[in-house]
């Protein structure tokens, strides 16, 4: 899955950066990580909702998550936070 996301991001970046592509086609390209499984994001990676740690595939994924899920992104390394950044009391996805 990570490889697919990485390839999709590369393809999207190439498509968005190609001036010969019609503007309408460029507008239909979207790039994102799958936020559905992310519990908490940090500068060096993220915890999924099953309490497994993952490094970001690339900086673009981290920036996208930070921009779209600002309330659940922490601008520090996870190992600097208490419990390595796992926030058991803040299971926000259970409340949605």
PDB file of N, CA and C in Angstrom:
ATOM      1  N   UNK A   1       0.817  -1.183   0.000  1.00  0.00           N
ATOM      2  CA  UNK A   1       0.000   0.000   0.000  1.00  0.00           C
ATOM      3  C   UNK A   1       0.869   1.259   0.000  1.00  0.00           C
ATOM      4  N   UNK A   2       1.929   1.246   0.824  1.00  0.00           N
ATOM      5  CA  UNK A   2       2.808   2.417   0.868  1.00  0.00           C
ATOM      6  C   UNK A   2       3.443   2.664  -0.494  1.00  0.00           C
ATOM      7  N   UNK A   3       3.816   1.573  -1.172  1.00  0.00           N
ATOM      8  CA  UNK A   3       4.437   1.737  -2.489  1.00  0.00           C
ATOM      9  C   UNK A   3       3.441   2.348  -3.465  1.00  0.00           C
ATOM     10  N   UNK A   4       2.179   1.902  -3.411  1.00  0.00           N
ATOM     11  CA  UNK A   4       1.144   2.449  -4.288  1.00  0.00           C
ATOM     12  C   UNK A   4       0.954   3.937  -4.034  1.00  0.00           C
ATOM     13  N   UNK A   5       0.892   4.330  -2.762  1.00  0.00           N
ATOM     14  CA  UNK A   5       0.722   5.743  -2.429  1.00  0.00           C
ATOM     15  C   UNK A   5       1.914   6.548  -2.935  1.00  0.00           C
ATOM     16  N   UNK A   6       3.117   6.003  -2.745  1.00  0.00           N
ATOM     17  CA  UNK A   6       4.313   6.694  -3.216  1.00  0.00           C
ATOM     18  C   UNK A   6       4.300   6.884  -4.728  1.00  0.00           C
ATOM     19  N   UNK A   7       3.925   5.831  -5.446  1.00  0.00           N
ATOM     20  CA  UNK A   7       3.854   5.928  -6.907  1.00  0.00           C
ATOM     21  C   UNK A   7       2.772   6.902  -7.341  1.00  0.00           C
ATOM     22  N   UNK A   8       1.651   6.884  -6.642  1.00  0.00           N
ATOM     23  CA  UNK A   8       0.573   7.815  -6.976  1.00  0.00           C
ATOM     24  C   UNK A   8       1.007   9.256  -6.738  1.00  0.00           C
ATOM     25  N   UNK A   9       1.747   9.488  -5.673  1.00  0.00           N
ATOM     26  CA  UNK A   9       2.236  10.838  -5.397  1.00  0.00           C
ATOM     27  C   UNK A   9       3.221  11.304  -6.452  1.00  0.00           C
ATOM     28  N   UNK A  10       4.099  10.419  -6.867  1.00  0.00           N
ATOM     29  CA  UNK A  10       5.065  10.768  -7.917  1.00  0.00           C
ATOM     30  C   UNK A  10       4.331  11.078  -9.214  1.00  0.00           C
ATOM     31  N   UNK A  11       3.395  10.215  -9.586  1.00  0.00           N
ATOM     32  CA  UNK A  11       2.640  10.421 -10.822  1.00  0.00           C
ATOM     33  C   UNK A  11       1.863  11.737 -10.757  1.00  0.00           C
ATOM     34  N   UNK A  12       1.274  12.008  -9.593  1.00  0.00           N
ATOM     35  CA  UNK A  12       0.530  13.251  -9.434  1.00  0.00           C
ATOM     36  C   UNK A  12       1.419  14.470  -9.517  1.00  0.00           C
ATOM     37  N   UNK A  13       2.589  14.382  -8.907  1.00  0.00           N
ATOM     38  CA  UNK A  13       3.526  15.504  -8.952  1.00  0.00           C
ATOM     39  C   UNK A  13       3.986  15.776 -10.369  1.00  0.00           C
ATOM     40  N   UNK A  14       4.249  14.719 -11.110  1.00  0.00           N
ATOM     41  CA  UNK A  14       4.658  14.884 -12.503  1.00  0.00           C
ATOM     42  C   UNK A  14       3.527  15.500 -13.304  1.00  0.00           C
ATOM     43  N   UNK A  15       2.306  15.003 -13.083  1.00  0.00           N
ATOM     44  CA  UNK A  15       1.156  15.525 -13.825  1.00  0.00           C
ATOM     45  C   UNK A  15       0.904  16.993 -13.491  1.00  0.00           C
ATOM     46  N   UNK A  16       1.012  17.352 -12.234  1.00  0.00           N
ATOM     47  CA  UNK A  16       0.770  18.736 -11.839  1.00  0.00           C
ATOM     48  C   UNK A  16       1.861  19.670 -12.331  1.00  0.00           C
ATOM     49  N   UNK A  17       3.041  19.149 -12.497  1.00  0.00           N
ATOM     50  CA  UNK A  17       4.156  19.980 -12.929  1.00  0.00           C
ATOM     51  C   UNK A  17       4.332  20.052 -14.431  1.00  0.00           C
ATOM     52  N   UNK A  18       3.475  19.391 -15.176  1.00  0.00           N
ATOM     53  CA  UNK A  18       3.588  19.363 -16.631  1.00  0.00           C
ATOM     54  C   UNK A  18       2.764  20.487 -17.245  1.00  0.00           C
ATOM     55  N   UNK A  19       3.420  21.533 -17.738  1.00  0.00           N
ATOM     56  CA  UNK A  19       2.671  22.654 -18.288  1.00  0.00           C
ATOM     57  C   UNK A  19       1.908  22.311 -19.566  1.00  0.00           C
ATOM     58  N   UNK A  20       2.307  21.270 -20.290  1.00  0.00           N
ATOM     59  CA  UNK A  20       1.625  20.912 -21.531  1.00  0.00           C
ATOM     60  C   UNK A  20       0.265  20.277 -21.262  1.00  0.00           C
ATOM     61  N   UNK A  21       0.008  19.832 -20.056  1.00  0.00           N
ATOM     62  CA  UNK A  21      -1.258  19.207 -19.719  1.00  0.00           C
ATOM     63  C   UNK A  21      -2.328  20.291 -19.613  1.00  0.00           C
ATOM     64  N   UNK A  22      -3.507  20.065 -20.206  1.00  0.00           N
ATOM     65  CA  UNK A  22      -4.573  21.064 -20.106  1.00  0.00           C
ATOM     66  C   UNK A  22      -4.932  21.344 -18.645  1.00  0.00           C
ATOM     67  N   UNK A  23      -5.290  22.578 -18.353  1.00  0.00           N
ATOM     68  CA  UNK A  23      -5.604  22.979 -16.978  1.00  0.00           C
ATOM     69  C   UNK A  23      -6.716  22.133 -16.390  1.00  0.00           C
ATOM     70  N   UNK A  24      -7.725  21.790 -17.166  1.00  0.00           N
ATOM     71  CA  UNK A  24      -8.846  20.989 -16.659  1.00  0.00           C
ATOM     72  C   UNK A  24      -8.373  19.624 -16.191  1.00  0.00           C
ATOM     73  N   UNK A  25      -7.434  19.020 -16.884  1.00  0.00           N
ATOM     74  CA  UNK A  25      -6.912  17.711 -16.485  1.00  0.00           C
ATOM     75  C   UNK A  25      -6.092  17.827 -15.211  1.00  0.00           C
ATOM     76  N   UNK A  26      -5.318  18.890 -15.066  1.00  0.00           N
ATOM     77  CA  UNK A  26      -4.520  19.076 -13.857  1.00  0.00           C
ATOM     78  C   UNK A  26      -5.411  19.263 -12.632  1.00  0.00           C
ATOM     79  N   UNK A  27      -6.569  19.890 -12.787  1.00  0.00           N
ATOM     80  CA  UNK A  27      -7.468  20.133 -11.662  1.00  0.00           C
ATOM     81  C   UNK A  27      -8.069  18.847 -11.121  1.00  0.00           C
ATOM     82  N   UNK A  28      -8.131  17.791 -11.917  1.00  0.00           N
ATOM     83  CA  UNK A  28      -8.738  16.534 -11.494  1.00  0.00           C
ATOM     84  C   UNK A  28      -7.769  15.618 -10.767  1.00  0.00           C
ATOM     85  N   UNK A  29      -6.521  15.997 -10.641  1.00  0.00           N
ATOM     86  CA  UNK A  29      -5.528  15.172  -9.971  1.00  0.00           C
ATOM     87  C   UNK A  29      -5.538  15.516  -8.487  1.00  0.00           C
ATOM     88  N   UNK A  30      -5.659  14.489  -7.647  1.00  0.00           N
ATOM     89  CA  UNK A  30      -5.597  14.715  -6.204  1.00  0.00           C
ATOM     90  C   UNK A  30      -4.495  13.854  -5.616  1.00  0.00           C
ATOM     91  N   UNK A  31      -3.858  14.381  -4.598  1.00  0.00           N
ATOM     92  CA  UNK A  31      -2.786  13.671  -3.915  1.00  0.00           C
ATOM     93  C   UNK A  31      -3.105  13.685  -2.430  1.00  0.00           C
ATOM     94  N   UNK A  32      -3.060  12.524  -1.805  1.00  0.00           N
ATOM     95  CA  UNK A  32      -3.299  12.490  -0.366  1.00  0.00           C
ATOM     96  C   UNK A  32      -2.843  11.163   0.213  1.00  0.00           C
ATOM     97  N   UNK A  33      -2.686  11.147   1.509  1.00  0.00           N
ATOM     98  CA  UNK A  33      -2.470   9.893   2.217  1.00  0.00           C
ATOM     99  C   UNK A  33      -3.845   9.386   2.609  1.00  0.00           C
ATOM    100  N   UNK A  34      -3.930   8.148   3.033  1.00  0.00           N
ATOM    101  CA  UNK A  34      -5.196   7.621   3.512  1.00  0.00           C
ATOM    102  C   UNK A  34      -5.332   7.981   4.983  1.00  0.00           C
ATOM    103  N   UNK A  35      -6.021   9.077   5.292  1.00  0.00           N
ATOM    104  CA  UNK A  35      -6.087   9.515   6.679  1.00  0.00           C
ATOM    105  C   UNK A  35      -6.998   8.644   7.540  1.00  0.00           C
ATOM    106  N   UNK A  36      -7.788   7.779   6.920  1.00  0.00           N
ATOM    107  CA  UNK A  36      -8.739   6.971   7.662  1.00  0.00           C
ATOM    108  C   UNK A  36      -8.121   6.087   8.723  1.00  0.00           C
ATOM    109  N   UNK A  37      -6.870   5.706   8.558  1.00  0.00           N
ATOM    110  CA  UNK A  37      -6.246   4.832   9.529  1.00  0.00           C
ATOM    111  C   UNK A  37      -5.247   5.522  10.434  1.00  0.00           C
ATOM    112  N   UNK A  38      -5.066   6.822  10.282  1.00  0.00           N
ATOM    113  CA  UNK A  38      -4.072   7.540  11.076  1.00  0.00           C
ATOM    114  C   UNK A  38      -4.710   8.069  12.354  1.00  0.00           C
ATOM    115  N   UNK A  39      -4.085   7.771  13.473  1.00  0.00           N
ATOM    116  CA  UNK A  39      -4.578   8.263  14.762  1.00  0.00           C
ATOM    117  C   UNK A  39      -3.951   9.607  15.099  1.00  0.00           C
ATOM    118  N   UNK A  40      -2.622   9.666  15.084  1.00  0.00           N
ATOM    119  CA  UNK A  40      -1.896  10.882  15.444  1.00  0.00           C
ATOM    120  C   UNK A  40      -0.673  11.019  14.542  1.00  0.00           C
ATOM    121  N   UNK A  41      -0.492  12.189  13.969  1.00  0.00           N
ATOM    122  CA  UNK A  41       0.656  12.438  13.118  1.00  0.00           C
ATOM    123  C   UNK A  41       1.718  13.249  13.833  1.00  0.00           C
ATOM    124  N   UNK A  42       2.961  12.937  13.542  1.00  0.00           N
ATOM    125  CA  UNK A  42       4.116  13.651  14.093  1.00  0.00           C
ATOM    126  C   UNK A  42       5.060  13.977  12.946  1.00  0.00           C
ATOM    127  N   UNK A  43       6.047  14.783  13.208  1.00  0.00           N
ATOM    128  CA  UNK A  43       6.969  15.175  12.143  1.00  0.00           C
ATOM    129  C   UNK A  43       7.736  13.982  11.572  1.00  0.00           C
ATOM    130  N   UNK A  44       7.942  12.952  12.365  1.00  0.00           N
ATOM    131  CA  UNK A  44       8.724  11.799  11.905  1.00  0.00           C
ATOM    132  C   UNK A  44       7.879  10.582  11.530  1.00  0.00           C
ATOM    133  N   UNK A  45       6.564  10.680  11.603  1.00  0.00           N
ATOM    134  CA  UNK A  45       5.710   9.560  11.224  1.00  0.00           C
ATOM    135  C   UNK A  45       4.358   9.648  11.891  1.00  0.00           C
ATOM    136  N   UNK A  46       3.675   8.516  11.995  1.00  0.00           N
ATOM    137  CA  UNK A  46       2.333   8.534  12.575  1.00  0.00           C
ATOM    138  C   UNK A  46       1.997   7.204  13.234  1.00  0.00           C
ATOM    139  N   UNK A  47       1.091   7.286  14.199  1.00  0.00           N
ATOM    140  CA  UNK A  47       0.497   6.106  14.811  1.00  0.00           C
ATOM    141  C   UNK A  47      -0.769   5.783  14.045  1.00  0.00           C
ATOM    142  N   UNK A  48      -0.962   4.522  13.680  1.00  0.00           N
ATOM    143  CA  UNK A  48      -2.256   4.165  13.117  1.00  0.00           C
ATOM    144  C   UNK A  48      -3.214   3.870  14.268  1.00  0.00           C
ATOM    145  N   UNK A  49      -4.473   3.656  13.955  1.00  0.00           N
ATOM    146  CA  UNK A  49      -5.485   3.486  14.996  1.00  0.00           C
ATOM    147  C   UNK A  49      -5.381   2.152  15.721  1.00  0.00           C
ATOM    148  N   UNK A  50      -4.566   1.247  15.198  1.00  0.00           N
ATOM    149  CA  UNK A  50      -4.309  -0.028  15.872  1.00  0.00           C
ATOM    150  C   UNK A  50      -3.037   0.022  16.712  1.00  0.00           C
ATOM    151  N   UNK A  51      -2.509   1.223  16.922  1.00  0.00           N
ATOM    152  CA  UNK A  51      -1.345   1.470  17.761  1.00  0.00           C
ATOM    153  C   UNK A  51      -0.057   0.875  17.168  1.00  0.00           C
ATOM    154  N   UNK A  52       0.107   1.040  15.853  1.00  0.00           N
ATOM    155  CA  UNK A  52       1.346   0.657  15.169  1.00  0.00           C
ATOM    156  C   UNK A  52       2.001   1.930  14.651  1.00  0.00           C
ATOM    157  N   UNK A  53       3.309   2.016  14.783  1.00  0.00           N
ATOM    158  CA  UNK A  53       4.055   3.192  14.337  1.00  0.00           C
ATOM    159  C   UNK A  53       4.485   3.028  12.885  1.00  0.00           C
ATOM    160  N   UNK A  54       4.401   4.127  12.113  1.00  0.00           N
ATOM    161  CA  UNK A  54       4.822   4.155  10.705  1.00  0.00           C
ATOM    162  C   UNK A  54       5.588   5.440  10.442  1.00  0.00           C
ATOM    163  N   UNK A  55       6.619   5.347   9.645  1.00  0.00           N
ATOM    164  CA  UNK A  55       7.284   6.559   9.151  1.00  0.00           C
ATOM    165  C   UNK A  55       6.486   7.058   7.949  1.00  0.00           C
ATOM    166  N   UNK A  56       6.501   8.377   7.738  1.00  0.00           N
ATOM    167  CA  UNK A  56       5.860   8.925   6.536  1.00  0.00           C
ATOM    168  C   UNK A  56       6.574   8.377   5.316  1.00  0.00           C
ATOM    169  N   UNK A  57       5.847   8.075   4.271  1.00  0.00           N
ATOM    170  CA  UNK A  57       6.454   7.609   3.021  1.00  0.00           C
ATOM    171  C   UNK A  57       7.339   8.689   2.431  1.00  0.00           C
ATOM    172  N   UNK A  58       6.917   9.931   2.590  1.00  0.00           N
ATOM    173  CA  UNK A  58       7.679  11.072   2.090  1.00  0.00           C
ATOM    174  C   UNK A  58       7.189  12.339   2.784  1.00  0.00           C
ATOM    175  N   UNK A  59       7.877  13.409   2.594  1.00  0.00           N
ATOM    176  CA  UNK A  59       7.535  14.676   3.240  1.00  0.00           C
ATOM    177  C   UNK A  59       6.192  15.210   2.770  1.00  0.00           C
ATOM    178  N   UNK A  60       5.820  14.958   1.528  1.00  0.00           N
ATOM    179  CA  UNK A  60       4.541  15.439   1.009  1.00  0.00           C
ATOM    180  C   UNK A  60       3.368  14.841   1.783  1.00  0.00           C
ATOM    181  N   UNK A  61       3.460  13.561   2.163  1.00  0.00           N
ATOM    182  CA  UNK A  61       2.391  12.935   2.950  1.00  0.00           C
ATOM    183  C   UNK A  61       2.262  13.615   4.307  1.00  0.00           C
ATOM    184  N   UNK A  62       3.384  13.884   4.948  1.00  0.00           N
ATOM    185  CA  UNK A  62       3.360  14.546   6.254  1.00  0.00           C
ATOM    186  C   UNK A  62       2.755  15.938   6.141  1.00  0.00           C
ATOM    187  N   UNK A  63       3.135  16.673   5.125  1.00  0.00           N
ATOM    188  CA  UNK A  63       2.608  18.028   4.932  1.00  0.00           C
ATOM    189  C   UNK A  63       1.122  18.005   4.639  1.00  0.00           C
ATOM    190  N   UNK A  64       0.665  17.039   3.828  1.00  0.00           N
ATOM    191  CA  UNK A  64      -0.754  16.931   3.509  1.00  0.00           C
ATOM    192  C   UNK A  64      -1.554  16.639   4.770  1.00  0.00           C
ATOM    193  N   UNK A  65      -1.082  15.684   5.577  1.00  0.00           N
ATOM    194  CA  UNK A  65      -1.795  15.343   6.801  1.00  0.00           C
ATOM    195  C   UNK A  65      -1.817  16.535   7.757  1.00  0.00           C
ATOM    196  N   UNK A  66      -0.698  17.200   7.906  1.00  0.00           N
ATOM    197  CA  UNK A  66      -0.621  18.366   8.788  1.00  0.00           C
ATOM    198  C   UNK A  66      -1.616  19.438   8.350  1.00  0.00           C
ATOM    199  N   UNK A  67      -1.715  19.663   7.067  1.00  0.00           N
ATOM    200  CA  UNK A  67      -2.613  20.694   6.548  1.00  0.00           C
ATOM    201  C   UNK A  67      -4.088  20.324   6.737  1.00  0.00           C
ATOM    202  N   UNK A  68      -4.429  19.062   6.533  1.00  0.00           N
ATOM    203  CA  UNK A  68      -5.832  18.634   6.564  1.00  0.00           C
ATOM    204  C   UNK A  68      -6.311  18.122   7.920  1.00  0.00           C
ATOM    205  N   UNK A  69      -5.402  17.722   8.783  1.00  0.00           N
ATOM    206  CA  UNK A  69      -5.765  17.185  10.097  1.00  0.00           C
ATOM    207  C   UNK A  69      -4.944  17.872  11.180  1.00  0.00           C
ATOM    208  N   UNK A  70      -4.948  19.171  11.146  1.00  0.00           N
ATOM    209  CA  UNK A  70      -4.136  20.000  12.033  1.00  0.00           C
ATOM    210  C   UNK A  70      -4.354  19.667  13.515  1.00  0.00           C
ATOM    211  N   UNK A  71      -5.580  19.305  13.891  1.00  0.00           N
ATOM    212  CA  UNK A  71      -5.882  19.013  15.295  1.00  0.00           C
ATOM    213  C   UNK A  71      -5.231  17.727  15.790  1.00  0.00           C
ATOM    214  N   UNK A  72      -4.769  16.898  14.864  1.00  0.00           N
ATOM    215  CA  UNK A  72      -4.205  15.602  15.248  1.00  0.00           C
ATOM    216  C   UNK A  72      -2.762  15.441  14.763  1.00  0.00           C
ATOM    217  N   UNK A  73      -2.142  16.568  14.437  1.00  0.00           N
ATOM    218  CA  UNK A  73      -0.742  16.578  14.010  1.00  0.00           C
ATOM    219  C   UNK A  73       0.063  17.351  15.041  1.00  0.00           C
ATOM    220  N   UNK A  74       1.222  16.814  15.395  1.00  0.00           N
ATOM    221  CA  UNK A  74       2.078  17.433  16.404  1.00  0.00           C
ATOM    222  C   UNK A  74       3.448  17.681  15.779  1.00  0.00           C
ATOM    223  N   UNK A  75       3.863  18.929  15.765  1.00  0.00           N
ATOM    224  CA  UNK A  75       5.099  19.339  15.095  1.00  0.00           C
ATOM    225  C   UNK A  75       6.315  19.020  15.966  1.00  0.00           C
ATOM    226  N   UNK A  76       6.508  17.763  16.241  1.00  0.00           N
ATOM    227  CA  UNK A  76       7.673  17.281  16.988  1.00  0.00           C
ATOM    228  C   UNK A  76       7.844  15.796  16.675  1.00  0.00           C
ATOM    229  N   UNK A  77       8.988  15.276  17.028  1.00  0.00           N
ATOM    230  CA  UNK A  77       9.213  13.838  16.871  1.00  0.00           C
ATOM    231  C   UNK A  77       8.356  13.108  17.908  1.00  0.00           C
ATOM    232  N   UNK A  78       7.846  11.966  17.550  1.00  0.00           N
ATOM    233  CA  UNK A  78       6.967  11.236  18.463  1.00  0.00           C
ATOM    234  C   UNK A  78       7.680  10.797  19.734  1.00  0.00           C
ATOM    235  N   UNK A  79       8.982  10.535  19.636  1.00  0.00           N
ATOM    236  CA  UNK A  79       9.704  10.048  20.811  1.00  0.00           C
ATOM    237  C   UNK A  79      10.007  11.159  21.823  1.00  0.00           C
ATOM    238  N   UNK A  80       9.661  12.393  21.508  1.00  0.00           N
ATOM    239  CA  UNK A  80       9.820  13.501  22.458  1.00  0.00           C
ATOM    240  C   UNK A  80       8.583  13.642  23.347  1.00  0.00           C
ATOM    241  N   UNK A  81       7.493  13.010  22.954  1.00  0.00           N
ATOM    242  CA  UNK A  81       6.232  13.130  23.690  1.00  0.00           C
ATOM    243  C   UNK A  81       6.076  11.982  24.692  1.00  0.00           C
ATOM    244  N   UNK A  82       5.244  12.204  25.681  1.00  0.00           N
ATOM    245  CA  UNK A  82       4.935  11.175  26.673  1.00  0.00           C
ATOM    246  C   UNK A  82       4.346   9.958  25.960  1.00  0.00           C
ATOM    247  N   UNK A  83       4.680   8.777  26.363  1.00  0.00           N
ATOM    248  CA  UNK A  83       4.214   7.517  25.756  1.00  0.00           C
ATOM    249  C   UNK A  83       4.523   7.443  24.264  1.00  0.00           C
ATOM    250  N   UNK A  84       5.618   8.078  23.872  1.00  0.00           N
ATOM    251  CA  UNK A  84       6.034   8.110  22.465  1.00  0.00           C
ATOM    252  C   UNK A  84       4.945   8.641  21.541  1.00  0.00           C
ATOM    253  N   UNK A  85       4.099   9.508  22.082  1.00  0.00           N
ATOM    254  CA  UNK A  85       3.101  10.178  21.264  1.00  0.00           C
ATOM    255  C   UNK A  85       1.774   9.468  21.138  1.00  0.00           C
ATOM    256  N   UNK A  86       1.640   8.281  21.702  1.00  0.00           N
ATOM    257  CA  UNK A  86       0.333   7.618  21.661  1.00  0.00           C
ATOM    258  C   UNK A  86      -0.548   8.285  22.711  1.00  0.00           C
ATOM    259  N   UNK A  87      -1.707   8.748  22.320  1.00  0.00           N
ATOM    260  CA  UNK A  87      -2.586   9.516  23.189  1.00  0.00           C
ATOM    261  C   UNK A  87      -3.869   8.729  23.439  1.00  0.00           C
ATOM    262  N   UNK A  88      -3.784   7.778  24.344  1.00  0.00           N
ATOM    263  CA  UNK A  88      -4.908   6.881  24.615  1.00  0.00           C
ATOM    264  C   UNK A  88      -6.182   7.630  24.979  1.00  0.00           C
ATOM    265  N   UNK A  89      -6.065   8.692  25.740  1.00  0.00           N
ATOM    266  CA  UNK A  89      -7.239   9.445  26.165  1.00  0.00           C
ATOM    267  C   UNK A  89      -7.871  10.233  25.019  1.00  0.00           C
ATOM    268  N   UNK A  90      -7.151  10.423  23.927  1.00  0.00           N
ATOM    269  CA  UNK A  90      -7.654  11.218  22.795  1.00  0.00           C
ATOM    270  C   UNK A  90      -7.947  10.325  21.595  1.00  0.00           C
ATOM    271  N   UNK A  91      -8.815   9.371  21.750  1.00  0.00           N
ATOM    272  CA  UNK A  91      -9.212   8.489  20.640  1.00  0.00           C
ATOM    273  C   UNK A  91     -10.318   9.188  19.850  1.00  0.00           C
ATOM    274  N   UNK A  92      -9.956  10.283  19.195  1.00  0.00           N
ATOM    275  CA  UNK A  92     -10.901  11.156  18.503  1.00  0.00           C
ATOM    276  C   UNK A  92     -11.715  10.430  17.454  1.00  0.00           C
ATOM    277  N   UNK A  93     -11.179   9.431  16.823  1.00  0.00           N
ATOM    278  CA  UNK A  93     -11.891   8.716  15.760  1.00  0.00           C
ATOM    279  C   UNK A  93     -13.081   7.925  16.305  1.00  0.00           C
ATOM    280  N   UNK A  94     -13.060   7.596  17.591  1.00  0.00           N
ATOM    281  CA  UNK A  94     -14.196   6.913  18.198  1.00  0.00           C
ATOM    282  C   UNK A  94     -15.372   7.848  18.405  1.00  0.00           C
ATOM    283  N   UNK A  95     -15.141   9.145  18.402  1.00  0.00           N
ATOM    284  CA  UNK A  95     -16.201  10.133  18.641  1.00  0.00           C
ATOM    285  C   UNK A  95     -16.825  10.636  17.357  1.00  0.00           C
ATOM    286  N   UNK A  96     -16.349  10.210  16.212  1.00  0.00           N
ATOM    287  CA  UNK A  96     -16.893  10.712  14.942  1.00  0.00           C
ATOM    288  C   UNK A  96     -17.807   9.706  14.298  1.00  0.00           C
TER     289      UNK A  96
END
